[in-house]
Protein backbone atom coordinates (compact mmCIF):
# COMPACT_ATOMS: atom_id res chain seq x y z
CA MET A 1 4.35 -5.85 24.61
CA ASP A 2 3.12 -2.65 23.23
CA LEU A 3 4.43 -2.96 19.65
CA LEU A 4 3.42 0.16 18.70
CA ALA A 5 5.04 1.97 21.25
CA LEU A 6 8.40 0.35 20.70
CA LEU A 7 8.01 1.13 17.26
CA LEU A 8 7.25 5.51 17.67
CA GLU A 9 10.26 4.99 20.48
CA ASN A 10 12.42 3.54 18.37
CA LYS A 11 12.84 0.70 19.47
CA LEU A 12 11.39 -2.13 18.15
CA LEU A 13 14.45 -2.75 15.64
CA GLU A 14 16.28 -3.82 19.18
CA ASN A 15 13.59 -5.54 20.80
CA ASN A 16 13.93 -9.32 20.39
CA LEU A 17 10.86 -10.10 18.83
CA CYS A 18 9.80 -14.06 19.48
CA PHE A 19 8.55 -15.85 16.11
CA PRO A 20 7.60 -19.52 16.33
CA PRO A 21 9.80 -21.86 14.73
CA THR A 22 8.42 -22.26 11.26
CA ILE A 23 9.38 -18.33 10.67
CA LYS A 24 12.99 -17.30 10.30
CA SER A 25 12.84 -13.47 10.91
CA SER A 26 15.60 -10.81 10.33
CA TRP A 27 15.47 -6.86 9.61
CA LEU A 28 16.82 -5.22 6.36
CA ALA A 29 16.44 -1.62 7.78
CA GLU A 30 14.76 0.25 10.73
CA GLY A 31 11.52 -0.64 10.69
CA VAL A 32 11.42 -3.38 7.79
CA LEU A 33 11.09 -6.45 8.85
CA GLN A 34 11.54 -9.91 6.51
CA LEU A 35 9.64 -12.78 7.39
CA LEU A 36 10.43 -16.37 5.43
CA PRO A 37 8.09 -19.36 6.16
CA LEU A 38 10.42 -22.38 7.44
CA SER A 39 9.39 -26.18 6.38
CA GLN A 40 9.10 -28.26 9.39
CA GLU A 41 10.44 -31.64 9.40
CA LEU A 42 8.05 -34.45 10.60
CA PRO A 43 9.42 -36.69 13.56
CA LEU A 44 10.91 -39.65 12.35
CA SER A 45 7.78 -41.70 13.95
CA GLN A 46 5.68 -39.56 11.34
CA GLN A 47 7.20 -39.93 8.62
CA LEU A 48 5.93 -41.69 5.75
CA PRO A 49 8.10 -44.62 4.19
CA LEU A 50 10.19 -43.54 1.32
CA SER A 51 8.36 -45.53 -1.31
CA GLN A 52 5.12 -43.74 -0.54
CA GLN A 53 7.05 -40.16 -0.10
CA SER A 54 5.69 -37.72 -3.33
CA SER A 55 8.82 -37.30 -5.96
CA SER A 56 7.53 -33.65 -6.50
CA PRO A 57 9.18 -30.57 -5.59
CA GLU A 58 7.31 -28.73 -2.75
CA LYS A 59 4.93 -25.76 -4.50
CA ALA A 60 7.31 -22.30 -3.45
CA ALA A 61 5.85 -19.60 -1.38
CA ASP A 62 4.56 -16.74 -2.93
CA THR A 63 5.59 -13.27 -1.78
CA LEU A 64 3.73 -10.51 -0.46
CA ILE A 65 4.66 -6.62 0.44
CA ILE A 66 2.75 -4.98 3.08
CA SER A 67 3.80 -1.23 3.67
CA ALA A 68 2.24 1.65 5.74
CA GLY A 69 2.75 4.93 6.94
CA ILE A 70 4.65 5.77 3.60
CA HIS A 71 2.50 9.47 4.97
CA GLY A 72 3.52 9.44 8.50
CA ASN A 73 -0.27 11.10 9.89
CA GLU A 74 -1.91 7.63 8.24
CA THR A 75 -1.96 5.90 11.25
CA ALA A 76 -4.50 2.92 10.76
CA PRO A 77 -2.55 1.08 8.20
CA VAL A 78 0.19 1.21 10.73
CA GLU A 79 -2.04 0.30 13.74
CA ILE A 80 -3.07 -2.84 11.25
CA LEU A 81 0.22 -4.22 10.25
CA ILE A 82 1.18 -4.21 14.06
CA GLN A 83 -1.85 -6.24 14.67
CA LEU A 84 -0.59 -8.60 11.95
CA LEU A 85 3.08 -8.43 13.62
CA SER A 86 1.93 -9.33 16.92
CA GLN A 87 -0.72 -12.01 15.56
CA LEU A 88 2.55 -13.62 13.77
CA ALA A 89 5.02 -13.33 16.67
CA GLN A 90 2.12 -15.59 18.88
CA GLY A 91 1.73 -18.06 16.48
CA TYR A 92 -1.57 -16.99 15.89
CA LEU A 93 -1.51 -16.03 12.46
CA PRO A 94 0.53 -18.96 10.24
CA LEU A 95 2.89 -17.48 7.64
CA GLN A 96 2.86 -19.06 4.03
CA GLN A 97 4.20 -16.35 1.84
CA ASN A 98 7.46 -14.73 1.99
CA LEU A 99 6.43 -11.46 3.35
CA LEU A 100 8.03 -7.53 3.78
CA LEU A 101 6.35 -5.53 6.30
CA ILE A 102 7.27 -1.98 5.79
CA PHE A 103 6.77 0.76 8.61
CA GLY A 104 7.90 3.67 5.49
CA ASN A 105 8.08 7.31 7.29
CA LEU A 106 8.81 6.98 10.92
CA PRO A 107 10.15 10.13 11.71
CA ALA A 108 6.91 11.50 10.27
CA MET A 109 4.85 9.14 12.12
CA ARG A 110 6.62 10.12 15.51
CA GLU A 111 5.43 13.97 14.49
CA GLY A 112 2.03 12.99 13.59
CA TRP A 113 2.65 14.88 10.12
CA ARG A 114 2.17 13.65 6.57
CA TYR A 115 5.88 14.45 6.05
CA ILE A 116 9.17 16.04 7.30
CA ASP A 117 10.53 17.67 4.16
CA ASN A 118 8.67 16.18 0.65
CA ASP A 119 6.20 14.00 -0.11
CA LEU A 120 7.80 10.07 0.18
CA ASN A 121 4.92 8.75 -2.05
CA ARG A 122 6.06 10.71 -5.12
CA MET A 123 10.22 10.02 -4.70
CA PHE A 124 9.84 6.08 -5.93
CA GLY A 125 11.48 5.00 -8.92
CA GLY A 126 14.96 6.98 -8.65
CA ARG A 127 12.75 10.34 -8.32
CA TYR A 128 13.92 11.13 -5.30
CA GLN A 129 16.68 12.39 -6.88
CA ASN A 130 15.11 15.07 -7.83
CA PHE A 131 14.23 16.10 -4.56
CA PRO A 132 16.70 18.18 -2.17
CA VAL A 133 18.48 15.75 0.55
CA GLY A 134 16.52 15.31 3.27
CA ASN A 135 14.66 12.70 5.13
CA GLU A 136 12.36 11.33 2.43
CA SER A 137 14.51 11.37 -0.25
CA LYS A 138 17.05 9.50 1.88
CA ARG A 139 14.08 7.04 3.09
CA ALA A 140 13.22 6.60 -0.42
CA MET A 141 16.45 5.06 -1.36
CA GLU A 142 16.77 3.03 1.46
CA LEU A 143 13.28 1.32 0.47
CA GLU A 144 14.66 0.90 -3.22
CA SER A 145 17.71 -0.69 -1.66
CA VAL A 146 15.68 -2.95 0.53
CA ILE A 147 13.09 -3.97 -1.73
CA ARG A 148 16.08 -5.01 -4.40
CA GLN A 149 17.84 -6.96 -1.92
CA PHE A 150 14.29 -8.74 -0.82
CA PHE A 151 13.78 -10.00 -4.48
CA ASN A 152 17.29 -10.90 -4.74
CA GLU A 153 16.65 -13.26 -1.59
CA PRO A 154 16.31 -16.81 -3.13
CA ALA A 155 12.81 -17.85 -1.79
CA VAL A 156 11.34 -14.73 -3.41
CA MET A 157 13.47 -15.34 -6.96
CA ALA A 158 11.35 -19.00 -6.82
CA SER A 159 8.26 -17.31 -5.78
CA ALA A 160 5.54 -17.30 -9.21
CA LYS A 161 3.77 -14.60 -7.34
CA HIS A 162 4.63 -11.21 -6.21
CA ARG A 163 1.99 -8.51 -4.50
CA HIS A 164 2.68 -5.57 -2.66
CA LEU A 165 0.15 -3.45 -0.78
CA ASP A 166 0.58 0.03 0.41
CA LEU A 167 -1.91 0.79 2.81
CA HIS A 168 -2.86 4.61 2.93
CA THR A 169 -5.94 7.02 4.37
CA ALA A 170 -6.93 10.19 2.83
CA ILE A 171 -7.13 13.39 3.67
CA ARG A 172 -10.62 13.77 3.09
CA GLY A 173 -13.80 12.06 3.16
CA SER A 174 -14.81 10.02 0.26
CA CYS A 175 -17.87 9.03 -1.51
CA HIS A 176 -15.78 5.23 -1.44
CA GLU A 177 -14.48 4.86 1.42
CA GLN A 178 -12.08 2.07 0.49
CA PHE A 179 -10.35 1.85 -3.05
CA ALA A 180 -7.22 0.71 -4.66
CA LEU A 181 -5.08 2.27 -7.07
CA LEU A 182 -3.89 0.70 -9.42
CA PRO A 183 -0.47 1.62 -11.17
CA TYR A 184 -0.30 2.24 -14.87
CA GLN A 185 1.17 -0.60 -15.99
CA THR A 186 1.66 -2.19 -19.87
CA ARG A 187 0.79 -5.60 -18.88
CA GLU A 188 -2.89 -6.74 -17.84
CA HIS A 189 -3.52 -6.88 -14.17
CA ALA A 190 -3.86 -9.98 -12.99
CA ALA A 191 -7.06 -11.38 -12.72
CA GLU A 192 -6.46 -12.99 -9.30
CA PHE A 193 -5.27 -10.27 -8.21
CA LEU A 194 -8.19 -8.15 -9.05
CA GLN A 195 -10.47 -11.15 -7.52
CA TRP A 196 -8.86 -10.55 -4.21
CA LEU A 197 -9.44 -6.93 -4.23
CA GLU A 198 -13.02 -7.22 -4.71
CA ASP A 199 -13.52 -9.83 -2.22
CA SER A 200 -11.81 -7.42 0.49
CA ASP A 201 -14.90 -5.89 0.27
CA ILE A 202 -13.45 -2.27 -1.04
CA ASP A 203 -15.71 -0.11 -2.48
CA ALA A 204 -13.88 1.33 -5.90
CA LEU A 205 -10.48 0.51 -8.19
CA VAL A 206 -9.03 3.36 -10.16
CA PHE A 207 -6.88 2.97 -12.85
CA HIS A 208 -3.97 4.91 -13.51
CA ASN A 209 -3.19 6.14 -16.69
CA THR A 210 0.45 6.97 -16.52
CA ALA A 211 3.39 5.90 -14.58
CA GLY A 212 4.14 7.65 -11.64
CA GLY A 213 6.26 8.41 -8.33
CA THR A 214 4.48 5.90 -5.68
CA PHE A 215 5.34 2.94 -3.73
CA SER A 216 3.23 0.51 -5.32
CA ASN A 217 4.31 2.24 -9.13
CA PHE A 218 7.92 1.04 -8.32
CA THR A 219 7.71 -2.54 -7.33
CA SER A 220 4.64 -2.93 -10.46
CA GLY A 221 7.43 -1.06 -12.60
CA TYR A 222 10.78 -2.52 -11.72
CA PHE A 223 9.50 -6.24 -10.08
CA ASN A 224 6.33 -7.15 -11.97
CA ALA A 225 4.34 -7.40 -8.80
CA ASP A 226 0.96 -7.27 -8.29
CA SER A 227 0.73 -3.58 -6.52
CA CYS A 228 -1.55 -1.22 -5.53
CA THR A 229 -2.06 1.71 -3.33
CA LEU A 230 -5.23 0.66 -0.93
CA GLU A 231 -7.20 3.23 0.68
CA ILE A 232 -9.11 2.26 3.57
CA GLY A 233 -10.86 5.43 5.32
CA LYS A 234 -9.78 9.53 6.66
CA ALA A 235 -6.38 9.87 8.59
CA LEU A 236 -6.52 10.31 12.30
CA PRO A 237 -3.63 10.38 14.95
CA PHE A 238 -3.27 7.15 16.72
CA GLY A 239 -5.12 6.03 19.14
CA GLN A 240 -8.85 7.34 17.06
CA ASN A 241 -8.98 5.03 14.79
CA GLU A 242 -12.06 2.66 14.92
CA LEU A 243 -10.11 -0.63 13.52
CA ALA A 244 -13.44 -2.82 13.37
CA ARG A 245 -14.07 -0.45 10.51
CA PHE A 246 -11.42 -1.82 8.66
CA SER A 247 -11.78 -5.69 9.78
CA ASN A 248 -12.36 -6.70 5.58
CA ILE A 249 -9.09 -5.44 4.59
CA THR A 250 -7.83 -7.23 8.12
CA ALA A 251 -8.93 -10.27 7.22
CA ALA A 252 -8.48 -9.75 3.51
CA LEU A 253 -4.23 -9.35 4.31
CA GLN A 254 -4.79 -12.32 7.19
CA ASP A 255 -5.77 -14.77 4.31
CA LEU A 256 -3.04 -13.50 1.92
CA ILE A 257 -0.55 -14.23 4.71
CA SER A 258 -1.72 -17.46 5.92
CA GLY A 259 -2.42 -18.63 2.42
CA LEU A 260 -6.28 -19.33 3.28
CA SER A 261 -9.24 -17.72 0.85
CA SER A 262 -12.05 -17.95 3.48
CA ILE A 263 -13.33 -13.73 2.54
CA LYS A 264 -16.29 -13.11 0.59
CA ARG A 265 -17.93 -9.89 -1.06
CA ASP A 266 -20.96 -8.71 0.78
CA LYS A 267 -20.75 -4.93 -0.49
CA PRO A 268 -22.75 -4.04 -3.77
CA THR A 269 -20.90 -4.19 -7.07
CA LEU A 270 -17.01 -2.79 -7.13
CA LYS A 271 -17.33 0.44 -9.03
CA ARG A 272 -14.29 1.22 -11.58
CA TYR A 273 -12.65 4.23 -12.80
CA ARG A 274 -10.13 5.20 -14.83
CA VAL A 275 -7.51 8.32 -14.87
CA VAL A 276 -8.13 11.13 -17.29
CA ASP A 277 -6.25 13.67 -16.55
CA ALA A 278 -3.59 14.92 -13.60
CA MET A 279 -3.86 18.66 -12.60
CA ILE A 280 -0.02 19.59 -11.63
CA LYS A 281 0.16 22.60 -9.74
CA GLN A 282 2.95 24.50 -11.48
CA HIS A 283 2.54 28.20 -9.94
CA ASP A 284 1.41 29.55 -6.90
CA SER A 285 -1.57 31.11 -8.52
CA PHE A 286 -3.33 27.60 -8.57
CA GLN A 287 -6.75 27.39 -7.08
CA LEU A 288 -8.91 24.81 -6.70
CA ASN A 289 -12.78 26.19 -7.20
CA ILE A 290 -14.90 23.70 -5.21
CA PRO A 291 -15.49 23.68 -1.22
CA GLU A 292 -12.78 22.69 1.23
CA ASP A 293 -14.83 19.41 2.10
CA THR A 294 -15.25 18.40 -1.42
CA LYS A 295 -15.41 14.59 -1.25
CA ASN A 296 -13.59 12.07 -3.43
CA PHE A 297 -15.08 10.89 -6.04
CA THR A 298 -17.52 13.51 -5.99
CA GLU A 299 -19.23 14.27 -9.67
CA LEU A 300 -18.95 17.54 -11.33
CA ALA A 301 -21.17 19.30 -13.87
CA GLU A 302 -20.05 19.51 -17.42
CA GLY A 303 -18.10 22.26 -18.21
CA PHE A 304 -17.20 23.68 -15.07
CA GLU A 305 -14.03 24.96 -14.86
CA ILE A 306 -12.63 23.30 -11.57
CA ALA A 307 -8.90 24.33 -11.16
CA ARG A 308 -7.11 27.66 -12.96
CA GLN A 309 -3.45 28.83 -12.46
CA GLN A 310 -1.53 31.36 -14.70
CA ASN A 311 -2.00 30.75 -18.64
CA GLN A 312 -3.90 27.13 -17.74
CA SER A 313 -7.48 26.10 -16.65
CA TRP A 314 -9.14 23.01 -15.98
CA LYS A 315 -13.01 22.54 -17.28
CA ILE A 316 -15.01 19.65 -16.77
CA THR A 317 -15.67 17.63 -20.19
CA SER A 318 -17.53 14.13 -19.83
CA PRO A 319 -16.70 11.24 -19.39
CA ALA A 320 -13.98 12.62 -16.49
CA ASN A 321 -16.82 13.84 -14.52
CA PHE A 322 -15.10 12.72 -11.06
CA ILE A 323 -12.25 14.07 -8.88
CA LEU A 324 -10.13 12.57 -6.40
CA PHE A 325 -7.43 13.60 -4.12
CA PRO A 326 -8.05 17.70 -4.68
CA ASN A 327 -5.50 19.08 -2.81
CA ALA A 328 -4.02 23.17 -3.61
CA ARG A 329 -1.66 23.02 -1.10
CA VAL A 330 0.45 20.76 -3.13
CA ALA A 331 4.01 21.78 -3.74
CA ILE A 332 4.98 23.20 -6.89
CA GLY A 333 5.03 20.52 -9.43
CA LEU A 334 2.86 17.96 -7.49
CA ARG A 335 -0.31 16.69 -8.45
CA ALA A 336 -3.10 18.91 -6.93
CA GLY A 337 -6.06 16.71 -8.14
CA LEU A 338 -7.16 13.80 -10.39
CA LEU A 339 -10.16 13.69 -12.93
CA LEU A 340 -11.70 10.43 -13.25
CA ALA A 341 -13.96 8.86 -15.75
CA LYS A 342 -16.32 6.13 -14.36
CA LEU A 343 -16.01 2.63 -16.25
CA THR A 344 -19.03 1.10 -13.92
């Protein structure tokens, strides 16, 4: 069964995926699948006598959201999510988490575009109301509603840990191919979550300095989830991804879903950065003074004017010497790049 083809043909919702009896499945919206683990009763012949059974309550399952395809042309995460879904359905991957799988921007996926009308990953936390009504604003509203419904599920309300991994790929090459962006939050980032990110063998962490409209910022800010945007490579069309390059991420996700801890770090020490400034495009005169092929995390010289627009310019000032997501083609009002300081 080609689950990716069914998804892109808008047939996966109607298709009856058969899951093991230990999993309760329900579609909350198109491309949004809720999977809850069910405890299995042992046959009477295998049950312990009442006097030997534990009186302590069973530990509630943790909660995990994995989303992909918020940008429709970022296909590797979608293929990874399809792979995980297939393994769950076939019983190869045991489910120990309250799990929500989200295929984000389905119309854009089908067209191979980043988005149809506007960037979906700038619309969460109610920011969709600031955009014209269109494909992405409607989807942002729907996904926010679905997330609230999921967090009102009794099993989810009983869980102690909530995590959200929003999987992406970058437009351009990067000095760090795989990295996570952690949303700004006033509470400390959970040490266990940071350790999982390090063990997953990604190359770098980036800590945001202000709240934004990303999907991970929404789940972090509104539901106290340990959330991140996880960039795992470069955007390529469906069928052109070397999924073996993402085996570390896939294995780490499998561990989370199944409640295992088999992964360990093989790469050099994880690098850490913090966002110092965001370059917001406010005028058609905006221009970036770097080559088109400049990689993410490129270090720039002190005093270099990286960008300018009418009545405003940005110069590199230590320690914010590193550039992330430079893109002069964004719509007015959106971020055209981040300036980072290296922590380690």
